[in-house]
Amino acid sequence: MKVYVNRVFFNTIDHPKYFALSIYFQGCDKHPKCPFCHNKDTWEPFKGFEYDVEALIRRLKEKINAIIDSYDKLAVVYLGGEPLAPYNRKAVFEISKALKEEFSDKIVNTIYTWRTLEDIEAQNLRNYITYMDEGILGPYEHDKRNIDENGNLLFPASKNQKYVKFSRRRKTCMKTY
C-alpha cells in the first residue's frame, strides 16, 4: 500500500505536553477548505513524498528508537491534510497499529482531523482510530481561534475544536476538553 506524506519531523508545537514526531499526510477531503488553514501545501492529494507504508513504518520506528529513551512519553501526531481522508485512512490505521504494538504506552498516538466525533461515527470511521489515544477533532475556525490575553495561540487552536481522549478497550470517547 502507498501513501503520500508532505513531511515528517520532530517538534514541540504539535502536542501540548509531549515532544512530538509529526506525520503530515498529503491531501484534505474537506469541502470547502478551512479558511486560514496553516497547511495549504497539504491540501492536494497524491503530491509530496510517496511511501510504501511498510517502509514508512520502518523509518518511523528508527526515528522513535533513536530518541525514545530521552523522554517519558513521545507523541506521534497524525495530521495534514487530513489523516482520515479516504486515501490516507488505511495507512494511518496501519502506522498507528504498528507503532502502538511496538512502543505501547511509551507513545501517545494523537490525531488531528476536521471531523467531529459525530462525523467519525456517521462516516463509519471508528475502526481507523482504534489505536489512537487522543484526538483534536473539528475544523479550525479562525474567527474562533483560541488565544490568551497576550495573543498567544492556545490548545486546541480554535474554541470549536475538541480535545478527546479515547479508550481503546471500549472504543469510546473518555474525556472531552
N, C-alpha and C. Protein backbone atom coordinates (compact mmCIF):
# COMPACT_ATOMS: atom_id res chain seq x y z
N MET A 1 0.84 -1.17 0.00
CA MET A 1 0.00 0.00 0.00
C MET A 1 0.89 1.24 0.00
N LYS A 2 0.47 2.24 -0.75
CA LYS A 2 1.20 3.50 -0.86
C LYS A 2 0.46 4.61 -0.13
N VAL A 3 1.22 5.59 0.35
CA VAL A 3 0.63 6.77 0.97
C VAL A 3 1.52 7.96 0.62
N TYR A 4 0.90 9.13 0.55
CA TYR A 4 1.64 10.35 0.28
C TYR A 4 1.75 11.17 1.55
N VAL A 5 2.99 11.58 1.84
CA VAL A 5 3.28 12.34 3.05
C VAL A 5 3.95 13.64 2.64
N ASN A 6 3.54 14.73 3.27
CA ASN A 6 4.13 16.03 2.98
C ASN A 6 5.44 16.21 3.73
N ARG A 7 5.45 15.82 5.02
CA ARG A 7 6.66 15.94 5.83
C ARG A 7 6.52 15.13 7.12
N VAL A 8 7.67 14.76 7.68
CA VAL A 8 7.75 14.06 8.96
C VAL A 8 8.88 14.71 9.72
N PHE A 9 8.60 15.16 10.96
CA PHE A 9 9.67 15.80 11.74
C PHE A 9 9.33 15.81 13.22
N PHE A 10 10.36 15.95 14.03
CA PHE A 10 10.21 16.11 15.47
C PHE A 10 9.96 17.58 15.77
N ASN A 11 9.11 17.85 16.79
CA ASN A 11 8.83 19.24 17.14
C ASN A 11 8.22 19.34 18.53
N THR A 12 8.08 20.57 18.99
CA THR A 12 7.46 20.84 20.28
C THR A 12 6.15 21.62 20.12
N ILE A 13 5.62 21.72 18.91
CA ILE A 13 4.41 22.54 18.70
C ILE A 13 3.14 21.73 18.43
N ASP A 14 3.25 20.50 17.98
CA ASP A 14 2.05 19.76 17.59
C ASP A 14 1.39 18.99 18.73
N HIS A 15 2.00 19.00 19.89
CA HIS A 15 1.38 18.39 21.07
C HIS A 15 1.62 19.31 22.27
N PRO A 16 0.59 19.52 23.10
CA PRO A 16 0.74 20.47 24.20
C PRO A 16 1.61 19.97 25.36
N LYS A 17 1.84 18.67 25.44
CA LYS A 17 2.54 18.12 26.60
C LYS A 17 3.82 17.37 26.25
N TYR A 18 3.84 16.66 25.13
CA TYR A 18 4.95 15.77 24.80
C TYR A 18 5.71 16.24 23.56
N PHE A 19 6.99 15.88 23.53
CA PHE A 19 7.78 16.04 22.31
C PHE A 19 7.11 15.19 21.24
N ALA A 20 7.01 15.69 20.03
CA ALA A 20 6.19 15.04 19.01
C ALA A 20 6.98 14.65 17.77
N LEU A 21 6.62 13.49 17.24
CA LEU A 21 7.00 13.09 15.89
C LEU A 21 5.74 13.26 15.06
N SER A 22 5.74 14.26 14.18
CA SER A 22 4.55 14.60 13.42
C SER A 22 4.64 14.07 12.00
N ILE A 23 3.53 13.46 11.56
CA ILE A 23 3.42 12.93 10.21
C ILE A 23 2.33 13.73 9.52
N TYR A 24 2.73 14.56 8.56
CA TYR A 24 1.78 15.38 7.81
C TYR A 24 1.38 14.64 6.54
N PHE A 25 0.17 14.11 6.53
CA PHE A 25 -0.33 13.38 5.38
C PHE A 25 -0.76 14.36 4.31
N GLN A 26 -0.63 13.92 3.06
CA GLN A 26 -0.95 14.77 1.93
C GLN A 26 -2.39 14.53 1.50
N GLY A 27 -3.12 15.63 1.33
CA GLY A 27 -4.48 15.58 0.83
C GLY A 27 -5.50 15.85 1.92
N CYS A 28 -6.44 16.73 1.60
CA CYS A 28 -7.54 17.04 2.51
C CYS A 28 -8.85 16.93 1.75
N ASP A 29 -9.78 16.17 2.30
CA ASP A 29 -11.06 15.95 1.62
C ASP A 29 -12.17 16.88 2.13
N LYS A 30 -11.84 17.88 2.94
CA LYS A 30 -12.87 18.81 3.43
C LYS A 30 -13.23 19.80 2.33
N HIS A 31 -14.53 19.98 2.14
CA HIS A 31 -15.02 20.96 1.15
C HIS A 31 -16.12 21.76 1.80
N PRO A 32 -16.04 23.08 1.85
CA PRO A 32 -14.87 23.85 1.44
C PRO A 32 -13.73 23.70 2.46
N LYS A 33 -12.55 24.08 2.05
CA LYS A 33 -11.38 24.01 2.93
C LYS A 33 -11.52 25.03 4.05
N CYS A 34 -10.79 24.81 5.13
CA CYS A 34 -10.80 25.74 6.26
C CYS A 34 -10.09 27.03 5.87
N PRO A 35 -10.78 28.18 5.93
CA PRO A 35 -10.09 29.43 5.68
C PRO A 35 -8.97 29.61 6.72
N PHE A 36 -7.89 30.18 6.33
CA PHE A 36 -6.73 30.43 7.19
C PHE A 36 -6.02 29.13 7.60
N CYS A 37 -6.24 28.05 6.90
CA CYS A 37 -5.52 26.80 7.18
C CYS A 37 -4.02 27.09 7.09
N HIS A 38 -3.27 26.58 8.06
CA HIS A 38 -1.82 26.83 8.03
C HIS A 38 -1.06 25.74 7.28
N ASN A 39 -1.79 24.80 6.67
CA ASN A 39 -1.15 23.71 5.91
C ASN A 39 -1.72 23.58 4.50
N LYS A 40 -1.89 24.70 3.82
CA LYS A 40 -2.45 24.67 2.47
C LYS A 40 -1.63 23.80 1.52
N ASP A 41 -0.35 23.66 1.80
CA ASP A 41 0.51 22.84 0.95
C ASP A 41 0.17 21.35 1.06
N THR A 42 -0.67 20.98 2.01
CA THR A 42 -1.06 19.57 2.17
C THR A 42 -2.45 19.28 1.61
N TRP A 43 -3.12 20.25 1.02
CA TRP A 43 -4.50 20.06 0.56
C TRP A 43 -4.62 19.06 -0.58
N GLU A 44 -3.76 19.19 -1.57
CA GLU A 44 -3.90 18.38 -2.79
C GLU A 44 -3.41 16.95 -2.56
N PRO A 45 -4.26 15.96 -2.85
CA PRO A 45 -3.83 14.57 -2.64
C PRO A 45 -2.81 14.12 -3.68
N PHE A 46 -2.09 13.07 -3.33
CA PHE A 46 -1.15 12.40 -4.23
C PHE A 46 0.00 13.30 -4.68
N LYS A 47 0.40 14.21 -3.81
CA LYS A 47 1.58 15.06 -4.02
C LYS A 47 2.56 14.73 -2.90
N GLY A 48 3.62 15.46 -2.80
CA GLY A 48 4.57 15.21 -1.71
C GLY A 48 5.39 13.97 -1.96
N PHE A 49 5.69 13.24 -0.89
CA PHE A 49 6.57 12.08 -0.96
C PHE A 49 5.73 10.80 -0.92
N GLU A 50 5.90 9.97 -1.91
CA GLU A 50 5.19 8.70 -1.94
C GLU A 50 5.99 7.66 -1.16
N TYR A 51 5.31 6.97 -0.24
CA TYR A 51 5.94 5.94 0.57
C TYR A 51 5.17 4.63 0.47
N ASP A 52 5.90 3.55 0.48
CA ASP A 52 5.30 2.27 0.78
C ASP A 52 5.06 2.30 2.29
N VAL A 53 3.87 1.94 2.75
CA VAL A 53 3.52 2.08 4.16
C VAL A 53 4.46 1.27 5.05
N GLU A 54 4.82 0.07 4.65
CA GLU A 54 5.73 -0.74 5.47
C GLU A 54 7.11 -0.08 5.59
N ALA A 55 7.58 0.52 4.51
CA ALA A 55 8.87 1.22 4.56
C ALA A 55 8.77 2.46 5.45
N LEU A 56 7.65 3.15 5.38
CA LEU A 56 7.45 4.32 6.24
C LEU A 56 7.40 3.90 7.70
N ILE A 57 6.73 2.81 8.01
CA ILE A 57 6.66 2.31 9.38
C ILE A 57 8.07 1.99 9.89
N ARG A 58 8.88 1.32 9.08
CA ARG A 58 10.26 1.02 9.49
C ARG A 58 11.03 2.31 9.77
N ARG A 59 10.87 3.30 8.91
CA ARG A 59 11.57 4.58 9.08
C ARG A 59 11.11 5.29 10.35
N LEU A 60 9.81 5.28 10.61
CA LEU A 60 9.28 5.91 11.83
C LEU A 60 9.79 5.21 13.07
N LYS A 61 9.84 3.88 13.04
CA LYS A 61 10.37 3.12 14.18
C LYS A 61 11.83 3.48 14.43
N GLU A 62 12.62 3.64 13.37
CA GLU A 62 14.02 4.04 13.52
C GLU A 62 14.12 5.40 14.20
N LYS A 63 13.29 6.35 13.75
CA LYS A 63 13.30 7.69 14.32
C LYS A 63 12.92 7.65 15.80
N ILE A 64 11.88 6.90 16.12
CA ILE A 64 11.43 6.81 17.51
C ILE A 64 12.49 6.13 18.37
N ASN A 65 13.03 5.03 17.89
CA ASN A 65 14.06 4.31 18.65
C ASN A 65 15.28 5.18 18.93
N ALA A 66 15.57 6.12 18.05
CA ALA A 66 16.73 6.99 18.22
C ALA A 66 16.59 7.94 19.40
N ILE A 67 15.34 8.24 19.81
CA ILE A 67 15.17 9.23 20.88
C ILE A 67 14.27 8.77 22.04
N ILE A 68 13.65 7.65 21.92
CA ILE A 68 12.62 7.24 22.90
C ILE A 68 13.13 7.22 24.34
N ASP A 69 14.36 6.85 24.55
CA ASP A 69 14.89 6.78 25.91
C ASP A 69 15.11 8.15 26.54
N SER A 70 15.05 9.20 25.74
CA SER A 70 15.23 10.55 26.26
C SER A 70 13.95 11.15 26.82
N TYR A 71 12.82 10.47 26.64
CA TYR A 71 11.53 11.01 27.03
C TYR A 71 10.70 9.97 27.77
N ASP A 72 9.89 10.43 28.72
CA ASP A 72 8.95 9.52 29.40
C ASP A 72 7.93 9.01 28.41
N LYS A 73 7.43 9.92 27.58
CA LYS A 73 6.48 9.59 26.52
C LYS A 73 6.79 10.45 25.32
N LEU A 74 6.40 9.96 24.18
CA LEU A 74 6.56 10.68 22.92
C LEU A 74 5.22 10.68 22.21
N ALA A 75 4.80 11.83 21.72
CA ALA A 75 3.57 11.90 20.93
C ALA A 75 3.90 11.57 19.48
N VAL A 76 3.10 10.72 18.87
CA VAL A 76 3.15 10.53 17.43
C VAL A 76 1.88 11.17 16.92
N VAL A 77 2.04 12.24 16.11
CA VAL A 77 0.92 13.07 15.72
C VAL A 77 0.62 12.87 14.24
N TYR A 78 -0.64 12.59 13.95
CA TYR A 78 -1.13 12.33 12.59
C TYR A 78 -1.97 13.53 12.18
N LEU A 79 -1.50 14.27 11.17
CA LEU A 79 -2.20 15.45 10.74
C LEU A 79 -1.94 15.70 9.28
N GLY A 80 -2.23 16.85 8.79
CA GLY A 80 -2.02 17.06 7.37
C GLY A 80 -2.47 18.42 6.93
N GLY A 81 -3.09 18.36 5.80
CA GLY A 81 -4.01 17.47 5.11
C GLY A 81 -5.02 16.90 6.09
N GLU A 82 -5.44 15.73 5.73
CA GLU A 82 -6.45 15.05 6.53
C GLU A 82 -6.12 13.57 6.67
N PRO A 83 -5.74 13.13 7.87
CA PRO A 83 -5.40 11.73 8.08
C PRO A 83 -6.55 10.76 7.81
N LEU A 84 -7.80 11.21 7.96
CA LEU A 84 -8.93 10.31 7.74
C LEU A 84 -9.55 10.44 6.36
N ALA A 85 -8.88 11.17 5.45
CA ALA A 85 -9.34 11.20 4.06
C ALA A 85 -9.30 9.78 3.52
N PRO A 86 -10.18 9.45 2.58
CA PRO A 86 -10.24 8.07 2.08
C PRO A 86 -8.90 7.50 1.62
N TYR A 87 -8.04 8.30 1.05
CA TYR A 87 -6.76 7.84 0.53
C TYR A 87 -5.67 7.79 1.60
N ASN A 88 -5.94 8.23 2.83
CA ASN A 88 -4.96 8.20 3.92
C ASN A 88 -5.33 7.26 5.06
N ARG A 89 -6.61 7.00 5.25
CA ARG A 89 -7.07 6.34 6.48
C ARG A 89 -6.52 4.94 6.70
N LYS A 90 -6.36 4.15 5.66
CA LYS A 90 -5.81 2.79 5.86
C LYS A 90 -4.36 2.85 6.31
N ALA A 91 -3.60 3.77 5.73
CA ALA A 91 -2.20 3.95 6.14
C ALA A 91 -2.12 4.43 7.58
N VAL A 92 -2.98 5.36 7.95
CA VAL A 92 -3.00 5.87 9.33
C VAL A 92 -3.29 4.73 10.29
N PHE A 93 -4.24 3.89 9.95
CA PHE A 93 -4.55 2.74 10.79
C PHE A 93 -3.34 1.82 10.93
N GLU A 94 -2.71 1.45 9.81
CA GLU A 94 -1.57 0.54 9.83
C GLU A 94 -0.38 1.12 10.60
N ILE A 95 -0.11 2.39 10.40
CA ILE A 95 1.00 3.03 11.10
C ILE A 95 0.72 3.10 12.60
N SER A 96 -0.46 3.58 12.96
CA SER A 96 -0.78 3.73 14.39
C SER A 96 -0.80 2.38 15.09
N LYS A 97 -1.26 1.36 14.42
CA LYS A 97 -1.27 0.00 14.99
C LYS A 97 0.16 -0.50 15.20
N ALA A 98 0.98 -0.41 14.16
CA ALA A 98 2.36 -0.91 14.24
C ALA A 98 3.15 -0.18 15.33
N LEU A 99 2.99 1.14 15.41
CA LEU A 99 3.75 1.90 16.40
C LEU A 99 3.25 1.63 17.81
N LYS A 100 1.94 1.49 17.99
CA LYS A 100 1.40 1.20 19.33
C LYS A 100 1.82 -0.20 19.76
N GLU A 101 1.82 -1.16 18.85
CA GLU A 101 2.26 -2.52 19.19
C GLU A 101 3.74 -2.56 19.55
N GLU A 102 4.54 -1.76 18.88
CA GLU A 102 5.98 -1.73 19.14
C GLU A 102 6.33 -0.96 20.41
N PHE A 103 5.70 0.20 20.60
CA PHE A 103 6.11 1.10 21.68
C PHE A 103 5.11 1.22 22.82
N SER A 104 3.95 0.65 22.69
CA SER A 104 2.92 0.58 23.73
C SER A 104 2.67 1.95 24.35
N ASP A 105 2.77 2.04 25.66
CA ASP A 105 2.45 3.28 26.36
C ASP A 105 3.59 4.29 26.37
N LYS A 106 4.69 3.99 25.69
CA LYS A 106 5.78 4.97 25.56
C LYS A 106 5.43 6.04 24.52
N ILE A 107 4.40 5.76 23.69
CA ILE A 107 3.95 6.75 22.73
C ILE A 107 2.48 7.08 22.97
N VAL A 108 2.11 8.27 22.54
CA VAL A 108 0.72 8.72 22.58
C VAL A 108 0.33 9.03 21.14
N ASN A 109 -0.46 8.14 20.52
CA ASN A 109 -0.94 8.37 19.17
C ASN A 109 -2.02 9.44 19.21
N THR A 110 -1.79 10.54 18.47
CA THR A 110 -2.68 11.70 18.51
C THR A 110 -3.07 12.08 17.09
N ILE A 111 -4.37 12.16 16.84
CA ILE A 111 -4.85 12.51 15.50
C ILE A 111 -5.52 13.88 15.50
N TYR A 112 -5.17 14.69 14.50
CA TYR A 112 -5.87 15.95 14.23
C TYR A 112 -6.74 15.69 13.01
N THR A 113 -8.01 15.98 13.10
CA THR A 113 -8.92 15.81 11.97
C THR A 113 -9.98 16.90 11.98
N TRP A 114 -10.42 17.30 10.80
CA TRP A 114 -11.50 18.27 10.73
C TRP A 114 -12.83 17.64 11.15
N ARG A 115 -12.86 16.32 11.18
CA ARG A 115 -14.09 15.61 11.54
C ARG A 115 -14.36 15.70 13.04
N THR A 116 -15.62 15.76 13.38
CA THR A 116 -16.04 15.70 14.77
C THR A 116 -16.26 14.24 15.13
N LEU A 117 -16.47 13.96 16.41
CA LEU A 117 -16.77 12.60 16.83
C LEU A 117 -18.05 12.10 16.15
N GLU A 118 -19.00 13.00 15.98
CA GLU A 118 -20.25 12.64 15.28
C GLU A 118 -19.98 12.29 13.82
N ASP A 119 -19.09 13.04 13.17
CA ASP A 119 -18.72 12.73 11.78
C ASP A 119 -18.05 11.37 11.69
N ILE A 120 -17.16 11.09 12.62
CA ILE A 120 -16.45 9.81 12.63
C ILE A 120 -17.44 8.66 12.76
N GLU A 121 -18.40 8.82 13.65
CA GLU A 121 -19.44 7.79 13.82
C GLU A 121 -20.30 7.67 12.56
N ALA A 122 -20.80 8.79 12.06
CA ALA A 122 -21.70 8.79 10.91
C ALA A 122 -21.02 8.24 9.65
N GLN A 123 -19.71 8.49 9.52
CA GLN A 123 -18.97 8.04 8.34
C GLN A 123 -18.35 6.67 8.55
N ASN A 124 -18.66 6.05 9.67
CA ASN A 124 -18.18 4.68 9.96
C ASN A 124 -16.66 4.60 9.95
N LEU A 125 -16.01 5.55 10.62
CA LEU A 125 -14.55 5.62 10.62
C LEU A 125 -13.93 5.20 11.94
N ARG A 126 -14.72 4.78 12.89
CA ARG A 126 -14.23 4.44 14.24
C ARG A 126 -13.08 3.43 14.17
N ASN A 127 -13.18 2.42 13.31
CA ASN A 127 -12.12 1.39 13.26
C ASN A 127 -10.77 1.97 12.84
N TYR A 128 -10.74 3.07 12.10
CA TYR A 128 -9.48 3.66 11.67
C TYR A 128 -8.74 4.37 12.79
N ILE A 129 -9.44 4.67 13.89
CA ILE A 129 -8.80 5.35 15.02
C ILE A 129 -8.64 4.40 16.22
N THR A 130 -8.73 3.12 15.97
CA THR A 130 -8.64 2.12 17.03
C THR A 130 -7.40 2.29 17.90
N TYR A 131 -6.27 2.64 17.31
CA TYR A 131 -5.01 2.74 18.04
C TYR A 131 -4.65 4.17 18.43
N MET A 132 -5.59 5.08 18.26
CA MET A 132 -5.36 6.47 18.66
C MET A 132 -5.66 6.60 20.15
N ASP A 133 -4.81 7.34 20.84
CA ASP A 133 -5.01 7.61 22.26
C ASP A 133 -5.80 8.88 22.49
N GLU A 134 -5.65 9.82 21.57
CA GLU A 134 -6.34 11.09 21.72
C GLU A 134 -6.53 11.73 20.35
N GLY A 135 -7.44 12.70 20.33
CA GLY A 135 -7.70 13.39 19.09
C GLY A 135 -8.03 14.85 19.32
N ILE A 136 -7.73 15.65 18.32
CA ILE A 136 -8.17 17.03 18.27
C ILE A 136 -9.15 17.06 17.12
N LEU A 137 -10.43 17.18 17.45
CA LEU A 137 -11.50 16.96 16.50
C LEU A 137 -12.23 18.26 16.17
N GLY A 138 -12.54 18.42 14.89
CA GLY A 138 -13.27 19.59 14.42
C GLY A 138 -12.39 20.47 13.55
N PRO A 139 -13.02 21.21 12.65
CA PRO A 139 -12.24 22.08 11.75
C PRO A 139 -11.68 23.29 12.49
N TYR A 140 -10.57 23.78 11.99
CA TYR A 140 -10.03 25.03 12.51
C TYR A 140 -10.92 26.16 12.02
N GLU A 141 -11.39 26.99 12.95
CA GLU A 141 -12.19 28.16 12.60
C GLU A 141 -11.47 29.39 13.13
N HIS A 142 -10.95 30.16 12.18
CA HIS A 142 -10.11 31.30 12.52
C HIS A 142 -10.83 32.33 13.40
N ASP A 143 -12.12 32.54 13.16
CA ASP A 143 -12.85 33.52 13.97
C ASP A 143 -13.11 33.02 15.39
N LYS A 144 -12.81 31.74 15.65
CA LYS A 144 -12.93 31.17 16.99
C LYS A 144 -11.57 30.75 17.55
N ARG A 145 -10.50 31.36 17.02
CA ARG A 145 -9.17 30.96 17.46
C ARG A 145 -9.04 31.14 18.97
N ASN A 146 -8.31 30.26 19.54
CA ASN A 146 -8.16 30.15 20.99
C ASN A 146 -6.87 30.85 21.39
N ILE A 147 -6.99 32.10 21.81
CA ILE A 147 -5.80 32.88 22.16
C ILE A 147 -5.94 33.45 23.58
N ASP A 148 -4.79 33.65 24.21
CA ASP A 148 -4.80 34.25 25.55
C ASP A 148 -4.76 35.78 25.44
N GLU A 149 -4.74 36.44 26.58
CA GLU A 149 -4.77 37.91 26.62
C GLU A 149 -3.55 38.55 25.96
N ASN A 150 -2.46 37.78 25.78
CA ASN A 150 -1.25 38.30 25.12
C ASN A 150 -1.20 37.97 23.64
N GLY A 151 -2.25 37.32 23.13
CA GLY A 151 -2.30 36.97 21.72
C GLY A 151 -1.62 35.66 21.38
N ASN A 152 -1.24 34.87 22.40
CA ASN A 152 -0.60 33.58 22.16
C ASN A 152 -1.67 32.53 21.85
N LEU A 153 -1.40 31.73 20.84
CA LEU A 153 -2.32 30.67 20.45
C LEU A 153 -2.31 29.57 21.49
N LEU A 154 -3.49 29.15 21.92
CA LEU A 154 -3.62 28.10 22.92
C LEU A 154 -3.99 26.77 22.26
N PHE A 155 -4.21 25.77 23.06
CA PHE A 155 -4.54 24.42 22.57
C PHE A 155 -5.94 24.05 23.02
N PRO A 156 -6.77 23.53 22.13
CA PRO A 156 -6.59 23.47 20.68
C PRO A 156 -6.66 24.86 20.04
N ALA A 157 -6.34 24.93 18.77
CA ALA A 157 -6.15 26.21 18.10
C ALA A 157 -7.43 27.03 17.96
N SER A 158 -8.59 26.38 17.85
CA SER A 158 -9.84 27.14 17.83
C SER A 158 -10.82 26.54 18.83
N LYS A 159 -11.64 27.40 19.38
CA LYS A 159 -12.51 27.02 20.50
C LYS A 159 -13.56 25.98 20.13
N ASN A 160 -13.88 25.83 18.87
CA ASN A 160 -14.85 24.82 18.46
C ASN A 160 -14.24 23.41 18.43
N GLN A 161 -12.92 23.32 18.38
CA GLN A 161 -12.26 22.01 18.34
C GLN A 161 -12.31 21.37 19.72
N LYS A 162 -12.41 20.06 19.72
CA LYS A 162 -12.46 19.30 20.97
C LYS A 162 -11.22 18.42 21.09
N TYR A 163 -10.63 18.46 22.29
CA TYR A 163 -9.54 17.55 22.62
C TYR A 163 -10.19 16.35 23.31
N VAL A 164 -9.97 15.16 22.76
CA VAL A 164 -10.64 13.95 23.22
C VAL A 164 -9.62 12.88 23.54
N LYS A 165 -9.79 12.22 24.68
CA LYS A 165 -9.01 11.02 25.00
C LYS A 165 -9.89 9.82 24.69
N PHE A 166 -9.33 8.87 23.94
CA PHE A 166 -10.08 7.68 23.54
C PHE A 166 -9.75 6.51 24.45
N SER A 167 -10.71 5.63 24.61
CA SER A 167 -10.50 4.36 25.30
C SER A 167 -10.45 3.28 24.24
N ARG A 168 -9.30 2.62 24.10
CA ARG A 168 -9.17 1.57 23.09
C ARG A 168 -10.02 0.36 23.42
N ARG A 169 -10.16 0.06 24.70
CA ARG A 169 -10.91 -1.13 25.08
C ARG A 169 -12.38 -1.00 24.70
N ARG A 170 -12.94 0.16 24.99
CA ARG A 170 -14.37 0.34 24.73
C ARG A 170 -14.61 1.05 23.40
N LYS A 171 -13.55 1.56 22.78
CA LYS A 171 -13.66 2.33 21.54
C LYS A 171 -14.66 3.45 21.67
N THR A 172 -14.58 4.14 22.79
CA THR A 172 -15.48 5.27 23.02
C THR A 172 -14.66 6.47 23.45
N CYS A 173 -15.31 7.59 23.46
CA CYS A 173 -14.71 8.82 23.94
C CYS A 173 -14.72 8.78 25.46
N MET A 174 -13.57 8.98 26.08
CA MET A 174 -13.50 9.01 27.54
C MET A 174 -13.70 10.41 28.08
N LYS A 175 -12.96 11.36 27.55
CA LYS A 175 -12.99 12.71 28.08
C LYS A 175 -12.95 13.70 26.93
N THR A 176 -13.67 14.76 27.08
CA THR A 176 -13.62 15.85 26.12
C THR A 176 -13.25 17.11 26.88
N TYR A 177 -12.32 17.86 26.32
CA TYR A 177 -11.90 19.12 26.96
C TYR A 177 -12.25 20.27 26.07
